[in-house]
């Protein structure tokens, strides 16, 4: 029989009468227990009871605690079964670092570099952003089914500004190439400077448990180029890659990541996905998209009073972020229900995954 675990700091527990599993991590999360096929059958026969039916979070808001999947709800890919966690992927922007602060700082660094090295061209961040918008509009009006690549747009904008500043074509092209390199390096440097306080310790703990750790993002930031994060990432997929057909909320980036890892560790993708968990801040781009692939999902939702303005909020004001991917869809309660758990601190993730691993072991008994 699987042993019952308790902790004095427990804010909730879910007690399974069959497996005698008590999830008592102290995680401030709306934990929906993942069930495998055999366990679901026992629950449907009346042998499994979950209690209590709700938990109180630190903000005194009550959230339901309920099974996440029945065997009927699970897809044919997973057949209703989940393995112990094997792979954990993260969104990056507003999940591991504050996108607004990082991008605005990178824009400022690029502006200063242009001003110092190419004084006759417009160097202000506002000029770069306006040019990016203009080029994008031109392409959307002339190219059917135009696929936006923001890195390409930024480099093209710098080239156009250099030409307008009187530089010849070869020089302007060099300014674009070097300027984008400066901006991208600044993005990584500022991500390292502003990385969320518990990101490094969380990633270190996940690697300590033997998980493969990766990133799936729409942006240009690469955690392997962020000094404090680089040691913990095994792989990275960005929608800016030509090999990825469409960005999130399409499932294409997740499919690309799944295939790469499956090929790398020589395992069938349909089996690997049973042990895959994705963590992100956006219900549409991260949670719903990962669910299309039948991955387990964790929604990262820091307390509102601790948040800086989000990417979406500043994007609407055009505060130097006009080249940012804009998700105009509204996030709904239905979107939230797709999440298998919700955390308000990244540090809560480790205990949450431990509980899931323990539950999978116990449910298999």
Protein backbone atom coordinates (compact mmCIF):
# COMPACT_ATOMS: atom_id res chain seq x y z
CA UNK A 1 0.00 0.00 0.00
CA UNK A 2 1.32 3.42 -0.89
CA UNK A 3 2.26 5.43 2.22
CA UNK A 4 0.32 8.51 3.25
CA UNK A 5 2.39 11.69 3.32
CA UNK A 6 1.55 14.70 5.45
CA UNK A 7 3.05 18.12 6.00
CA UNK A 8 2.26 20.72 8.61
CA UNK A 9 2.07 23.41 5.95
CA UNK A 10 -0.56 21.58 3.91
CA UNK A 11 -3.24 23.90 2.55
CA UNK A 12 -5.28 21.14 1.01
CA UNK A 13 -5.33 17.43 0.54
CA UNK A 14 -6.95 14.95 -1.79
CA UNK A 15 -7.45 11.54 -0.23
CA UNK A 16 -7.94 8.44 -2.38
CA UNK A 17 -9.68 5.65 -0.49
CA UNK A 18 -8.18 2.99 -2.78
CA UNK A 19 -4.56 4.05 -3.12
CA UNK A 20 -4.38 5.88 0.22
CA UNK A 21 -2.64 8.79 -1.42
CA UNK A 22 -2.78 12.09 0.34
CA UNK A 23 -1.48 14.99 -1.70
CA UNK A 24 -0.15 17.30 0.94
CA UNK A 25 2.52 19.37 -0.73
CA UNK A 26 1.32 22.74 0.49
CA UNK A 27 1.09 23.82 -3.14
CA UNK A 28 -1.30 26.74 -3.58
CA UNK A 29 -2.87 25.26 -6.65
CA UNK A 30 -6.22 24.11 -7.92
CA UNK A 31 -5.09 20.52 -8.29
CA UNK A 32 -7.16 18.32 -10.51
CA UNK A 33 -5.99 14.76 -9.97
CA UNK A 34 -4.84 12.98 -13.11
CA UNK A 35 -6.21 9.45 -13.31
CA UNK A 36 -5.08 6.54 -15.37
CA UNK A 37 -7.47 4.13 -16.99
CA UNK A 38 -7.58 1.48 -14.28
CA UNK A 39 -7.93 4.03 -11.53
CA UNK A 40 -10.76 5.77 -13.35
CA UNK A 41 -12.58 2.47 -13.62
CA UNK A 42 -12.31 1.97 -9.86
CA UNK A 43 -13.56 5.49 -9.25
CA UNK A 44 -16.53 4.94 -11.57
CA UNK A 45 -17.35 1.77 -9.62
CA UNK A 46 -17.69 3.84 -6.49
CA UNK A 47 -14.48 2.73 -4.79
CA UNK A 48 -12.66 6.05 -5.00
CA UNK A 49 -13.72 9.17 -3.17
CA UNK A 50 -12.07 12.54 -3.34
CA UNK A 51 -12.26 14.85 -0.36
CA UNK A 52 -12.63 17.64 0.32
CA UNK A 53 -14.58 18.91 -2.70
CA UNK A 54 -12.96 22.34 -2.54
CA UNK A 55 -9.87 24.00 -1.16
CA UNK A 56 -9.08 27.48 0.02
CA UNK A 57 -6.20 29.28 -1.56
CA UNK A 58 -4.09 31.89 0.14
CA UNK A 59 -6.39 34.59 -1.22
CA UNK A 60 -9.37 32.85 0.42
CA UNK A 61 -10.87 32.07 -2.96
CA UNK A 62 -12.37 28.61 -3.21
CA UNK A 63 -11.38 26.45 -6.14
CA UNK A 64 -12.77 23.08 -7.06
CA UNK A 65 -10.66 19.98 -6.61
CA UNK A 66 -11.82 17.38 -9.07
CA UNK A 67 -10.52 14.66 -11.36
CA UNK A 68 -9.09 16.16 -14.53
CA UNK A 69 -9.73 13.34 -16.95
CA UNK A 70 -11.93 10.32 -17.26
CA UNK A 71 -10.90 7.57 -19.63
CA UNK A 72 -13.61 8.77 -21.98
CA UNK A 73 -12.26 12.30 -21.99
CA UNK A 74 -8.66 11.30 -22.61
CA UNK A 75 -7.62 11.14 -26.22
CA UNK A 76 -6.73 8.10 -28.24
CA UNK A 77 -3.11 9.23 -28.08
CA UNK A 78 -2.85 8.68 -24.34
CA UNK A 79 -5.63 6.10 -24.02
CA UNK A 80 -6.57 7.66 -20.71
CA UNK A 81 -3.23 6.84 -19.10
CA UNK A 82 -0.42 9.02 -17.77
CA UNK A 83 3.10 8.08 -16.84
CA UNK A 84 5.31 9.63 -14.23
CA UNK A 85 6.56 13.01 -15.40
CA UNK A 86 9.47 12.74 -17.79
CA UNK A 87 9.54 16.07 -19.68
CA UNK A 88 8.68 19.56 -18.42
CA UNK A 89 8.45 22.44 -20.89
CA UNK A 90 8.03 26.13 -20.17
CA UNK A 91 6.74 29.10 -22.01
CA UNK A 92 9.29 31.88 -21.51
CA UNK A 93 7.83 35.39 -21.78
CA UNK A 94 5.90 36.27 -18.61
CA UNK A 95 6.55 32.75 -17.32
CA UNK A 96 10.27 32.83 -16.52
CA UNK A 97 10.85 36.57 -16.93
CA UNK A 98 8.73 39.74 -17.31
CA UNK A 99 8.48 40.29 -21.03
CA UNK A 100 7.64 43.97 -20.88
CA UNK A 101 10.72 44.92 -18.86
CA UNK A 102 13.00 42.69 -20.91
CA UNK A 103 11.87 43.92 -24.34
CA UNK A 104 11.74 47.59 -23.42
CA UNK A 105 15.28 47.36 -22.04
CA UNK A 106 16.47 45.59 -25.20
CA UNK A 107 14.82 48.26 -27.35
CA UNK A 108 16.63 50.94 -25.35
CA UNK A 109 19.99 49.18 -25.72
CA UNK A 110 19.51 48.94 -29.48
CA UNK A 111 18.58 52.62 -29.66
CA UNK A 112 21.75 53.60 -27.81
CA UNK A 113 23.90 51.41 -30.06
CA UNK A 114 22.41 52.89 -33.24
CA UNK A 115 22.84 56.43 -31.94
CA UNK A 116 26.49 55.84 -31.12
CA UNK A 117 27.48 53.98 -34.28
CA UNK A 118 25.17 55.35 -36.99
CA UNK A 119 24.28 58.90 -35.95
CA UNK A 120 22.59 60.00 -39.18
CA UNK A 121 19.78 57.43 -38.99
CA UNK A 122 16.73 57.48 -36.74
CA UNK A 123 17.62 55.50 -33.66
CA UNK A 124 14.66 55.95 -31.31
CA UNK A 125 12.74 52.85 -30.26
CA UNK A 126 9.54 54.48 -31.43
CA UNK A 127 10.99 54.85 -34.94
CA UNK A 128 12.00 51.18 -35.06
CA UNK A 129 8.58 50.05 -33.85
CA UNK A 130 6.73 52.29 -36.32
CA UNK A 131 8.84 50.93 -39.17
CA UNK A 132 8.18 47.35 -38.09
CA UNK A 133 4.45 48.05 -38.18
CA UNK A 134 4.70 49.66 -41.61
CA UNK A 135 6.66 46.75 -43.11
CA UNK A 136 4.28 44.23 -41.65
CA UNK A 137 1.28 46.06 -43.07
CA UNK A 138 2.89 46.19 -46.50
CA UNK A 139 3.58 42.47 -46.49
CA UNK A 140 0.12 41.57 -45.25
CA UNK A 141 -1.40 43.61 -48.07
CA UNK A 142 0.78 42.12 -50.82
CA UNK A 143 1.58 38.54 -49.73
CA UNK A 144 -1.32 36.06 -49.42
CA UNK A 145 -1.31 34.15 -46.11
CA UNK A 146 1.71 36.13 -44.94
CA UNK A 147 3.45 34.41 -42.02
CA UNK A 148 4.87 36.89 -39.53
CA UNK A 149 8.42 36.40 -38.28
CA UNK A 150 9.14 39.16 -35.79
CA UNK A 151 12.92 38.72 -35.85
CA UNK A 152 12.90 39.21 -39.62
CA UNK A 153 10.65 42.27 -39.31
CA UNK A 154 12.94 43.90 -36.76
CA UNK A 155 16.04 43.41 -38.86
CA UNK A 156 14.25 44.71 -41.97
CA UNK A 157 13.11 47.79 -40.06
CA UNK A 158 16.68 48.60 -39.03
CA UNK A 159 17.84 48.20 -42.63
CA UNK A 160 15.13 50.55 -43.90
CA UNK A 161 15.97 53.20 -41.29
CA UNK A 162 19.65 52.98 -42.25
CA UNK A 163 18.80 53.49 -45.92
CA UNK A 164 16.61 56.46 -45.03
CA UNK A 165 19.52 57.79 -42.97
CA UNK A 166 21.73 57.98 -46.06
CA UNK A 167 23.73 54.78 -45.77
CA UNK A 168 24.32 52.68 -48.90
CA UNK A 169 22.69 49.27 -49.32
CA UNK A 170 25.64 47.08 -48.18
CA UNK A 171 26.15 49.26 -45.11
CA UNK A 172 22.43 49.30 -44.33
CA UNK A 173 22.30 45.51 -44.57
CA UNK A 174 25.23 45.23 -42.17
CA UNK A 175 23.53 47.64 -39.78
CA UNK A 176 20.42 45.44 -39.86
CA UNK A 177 22.34 42.24 -39.20
CA UNK A 178 24.51 43.71 -36.45
CA UNK A 179 21.65 45.72 -34.96
CA UNK A 180 19.43 42.68 -34.58
CA UNK A 181 22.32 40.79 -32.99
CA UNK A 182 22.74 43.64 -30.49
CA UNK A 183 19.01 43.63 -29.71
CA UNK A 184 18.86 39.86 -29.25
CA UNK A 185 21.89 39.82 -26.96
CA UNK A 186 20.33 42.64 -24.95
CA UNK A 187 17.12 40.62 -24.72
CA UNK A 188 19.02 37.69 -23.23
CA UNK A 189 21.10 39.86 -20.91
CA UNK A 190 18.04 41.65 -19.58
CA UNK A 191 16.14 38.37 -19.20
CA UNK A 192 19.03 37.21 -17.03
CA UNK A 193 18.86 40.43 -15.01
CA UNK A 194 15.08 40.28 -14.54
CA UNK A 195 14.45 36.53 -14.33
CA UNK A 196 11.74 35.70 -11.78
CA UNK A 197 13.11 35.16 -8.29
CA UNK A 198 12.24 31.46 -8.01
CA UNK A 199 12.93 30.42 -11.60
CA UNK A 200 16.51 29.23 -11.10
CA UNK A 201 15.84 27.25 -7.93
CA UNK A 202 12.78 25.65 -9.52
CA UNK A 203 14.65 24.61 -12.65
CA UNK A 204 17.53 23.26 -10.58
CA UNK A 205 15.12 21.16 -8.53
CA UNK A 206 13.42 19.80 -11.66
CA UNK A 207 16.77 18.77 -13.15
CA UNK A 208 17.64 17.19 -9.82
CA UNK A 209 14.59 14.94 -10.19
CA UNK A 210 15.86 13.82 -13.57
CA UNK A 211 13.32 15.56 -15.79
CA UNK A 212 14.14 16.71 -19.29
CA UNK A 213 13.51 20.47 -19.34
CA UNK A 214 12.70 22.48 -22.45
CA UNK A 215 11.15 25.70 -23.73
CA UNK A 216 8.34 26.22 -26.23
CA UNK A 217 7.89 29.87 -27.12
CA UNK A 218 6.61 32.26 -29.76
CA UNK A 219 9.38 34.74 -29.03
CA UNK A 220 13.04 35.11 -29.97
CA UNK A 221 14.38 34.61 -26.46
CA UNK A 222 16.41 31.44 -25.97
CA UNK A 223 16.97 30.31 -22.35
CA UNK A 224 20.16 28.56 -23.42
CA UNK A 225 21.56 32.04 -24.05
CA UNK A 226 20.46 33.35 -20.64
CA UNK A 227 23.38 32.79 -18.30
CA UNK A 228 21.45 31.84 -15.16
CA UNK A 229 19.05 29.53 -17.00
CA UNK A 230 21.30 27.90 -19.59
CA UNK A 231 22.51 24.97 -17.42
CA UNK A 232 18.99 23.64 -16.98
CA UNK A 233 17.58 23.50 -20.52
CA UNK A 234 17.90 20.42 -22.70
CA UNK A 235 16.03 21.75 -25.75
CA UNK A 236 14.24 24.79 -27.16
CA UNK A 237 11.60 25.36 -29.84
CA UNK A 238 10.59 28.81 -31.10
CA UNK A 239 7.84 29.72 -33.53
CA UNK A 240 10.42 31.97 -35.17
CA UNK A 241 12.01 28.85 -36.63
CA UNK A 242 11.15 28.17 -40.26
CA UNK A 243 10.54 24.53 -39.41
CA UNK A 244 7.53 25.52 -37.28
CA UNK A 245 4.61 26.23 -39.59
CA UNK A 246 2.45 28.32 -37.27
CA UNK A 247 2.97 29.97 -33.88
CA UNK A 248 1.05 29.26 -30.70
CA UNK A 249 -1.90 28.93 -30.13
CA UNK A 250 -1.39 26.43 -32.94
CA UNK A 251 -0.15 23.09 -31.65
CA UNK A 252 2.66 23.15 -34.26
CA UNK A 253 5.43 24.27 -31.85
CA UNK A 254 4.41 21.55 -29.38
CA UNK A 255 4.39 18.95 -32.14
CA UNK A 256 7.88 20.03 -33.22
CA UNK A 257 9.16 19.76 -29.64
CA UNK A 258 7.57 16.36 -29.15
CA UNK A 259 9.08 14.92 -32.32
CA UNK A 260 12.55 16.29 -31.56
CA UNK A 261 12.65 14.85 -28.06
CA UNK A 262 11.14 11.53 -29.11
CA UNK A 263 13.79 11.15 -31.81
CA UNK A 264 16.56 12.25 -29.46
CA UNK A 265 15.82 9.74 -26.70
CA UNK A 266 14.53 7.01 -29.06
CA UNK A 267 11.00 6.69 -27.75
CA UNK A 268 7.63 6.63 -29.47
CA UNK A 269 6.02 10.08 -29.38
CA UNK A 270 2.64 8.65 -28.33
CA UNK A 271 4.28 7.14 -25.28
CA UNK A 272 6.44 10.15 -24.47
CA UNK A 273 3.48 12.50 -24.37
CA UNK A 274 2.03 10.58 -21.40
CA UNK A 275 4.88 11.92 -19.28
CA UNK A 276 4.92 15.49 -20.65
CA UNK A 277 3.92 18.59 -18.66
CA UNK A 278 3.78 22.13 -20.07
CA UNK A 279 3.86 25.26 -17.90
CA UNK A 280 2.78 28.70 -19.11
CA UNK A 281 1.04 31.94 -18.24
CA UNK A 282 -1.34 32.17 -21.20
CA UNK A 283 -4.51 30.08 -21.14
CA UNK A 284 -4.85 30.32 -24.92
CA UNK A 285 -1.28 30.04 -26.20
CA UNK A 286 0.00 27.63 -23.57
CA UNK A 287 -2.75 25.70 -21.81
CA UNK A 288 -5.30 25.19 -24.59
CA UNK A 289 -2.60 24.64 -27.21
CA UNK A 290 -0.74 22.04 -25.12
CA UNK A 291 -4.02 20.31 -24.34
CA UNK A 292 -4.56 19.80 -28.06
CA UNK A 293 -1.48 17.60 -27.86
CA UNK A 294 -2.85 15.86 -24.74
CA UNK A 295 -0.04 17.16 -22.58
CA UNK A 296 -0.66 17.80 -18.90
CA UNK A 297 -0.76 21.52 -18.22
CA UNK A 298 0.07 23.88 -15.38
CA UNK A 299 -1.19 27.46 -15.55
CA UNK A 300 1.20 29.98 -13.99
CA UNK A 301 -0.87 32.83 -12.57
CA UNK A 302 1.07 35.09 -10.19
CA UNK A 303 -0.95 37.30 -7.84
CA UNK A 304 -2.22 40.39 -9.63
CA UNK A 305 -0.79 42.74 -7.03
CA UNK A 306 2.69 41.33 -7.72
CA UNK A 307 2.53 41.59 -11.50
CA UNK A 308 4.08 44.23 -13.67
CA UNK A 309 2.00 45.29 -16.70
CA UNK A 310 1.66 42.31 -18.99
CA UNK A 311 2.86 42.10 -22.57
CA UNK A 312 -0.71 42.26 -23.79
CA UNK A 313 -1.56 45.37 -21.72
CA UNK A 314 1.43 47.36 -22.93
CA UNK A 315 1.04 46.08 -26.47
CA UNK A 316 -2.40 47.71 -26.55
CA UNK A 317 -0.83 51.06 -25.66
CA UNK A 318 1.91 50.57 -28.27
CA UNK A 319 4.56 51.33 -25.65
CA UNK A 320 7.48 50.26 -27.79
CA UNK A 321 6.07 46.77 -28.23
CA UNK A 322 4.33 47.02 -31.57
CA UNK A 323 6.26 44.08 -32.95
CA UNK A 324 4.98 41.77 -30.25
CA UNK A 325 2.67 38.86 -31.03
CA UNK A 326 -0.77 39.99 -29.95
CA UNK A 327 -3.30 37.47 -28.69
CA UNK A 328 -6.66 39.22 -29.03
CA UNK A 329 -8.73 36.28 -27.84
CA UNK A 330 -10.48 36.47 -24.50
CA UNK A 331 -9.48 33.96 -21.87
CA UNK A 332 -12.53 32.27 -20.36
CA UNK A 333 -13.38 29.96 -17.49
CA UNK A 334 -13.52 27.20 -20.07
CA UNK A 335 -9.90 27.94 -20.96
CA UNK A 336 -8.95 27.74 -17.28
CA UNK A 337 -10.72 24.40 -16.93
CA UNK A 338 -8.29 22.96 -19.47
CA UNK A 339 -5.45 23.45 -16.99
CA UNK A 340 -4.66 20.44 -14.84
CA UNK A 341 -3.34 22.73 -12.12
CA UNK A 342 -2.77 26.40 -11.41
CA UNK A 343 0.16 27.80 -9.44
CA UNK A 344 0.95 31.31 -8.27
CA UNK A 345 4.68 30.73 -7.69
CA UNK A 346 7.07 28.77 -9.88
CA UNK A 347 8.50 27.17 -6.73
CA UNK A 348 5.17 25.38 -6.23
CA UNK A 349 5.75 23.34 -9.36
CA UNK A 350 8.24 20.87 -7.88
CA UNK A 351 5.92 19.62 -5.13
CA UNK A 352 3.02 19.52 -7.56
CA UNK A 353 4.90 17.23 -9.95
CA UNK A 354 6.05 15.07 -7.05
CA UNK A 355 2.40 14.55 -6.13
CA UNK A 356 1.53 13.62 -9.69
CA UNK A 357 4.40 11.13 -9.81
CA UNK A 358 3.30 9.58 -6.53
CA UNK A 359 -0.28 9.38 -7.69
CA UNK A 360 0.69 7.61 -10.92
CA UNK A 361 2.69 5.06 -8.93
CA UNK A 362 -0.13 4.48 -6.47
CA UNK A 363 -2.84 4.32 -9.11
CA UNK A 364 -0.92 1.58 -10.89
CA UNK A 365 -1.13 -0.69 -7.83
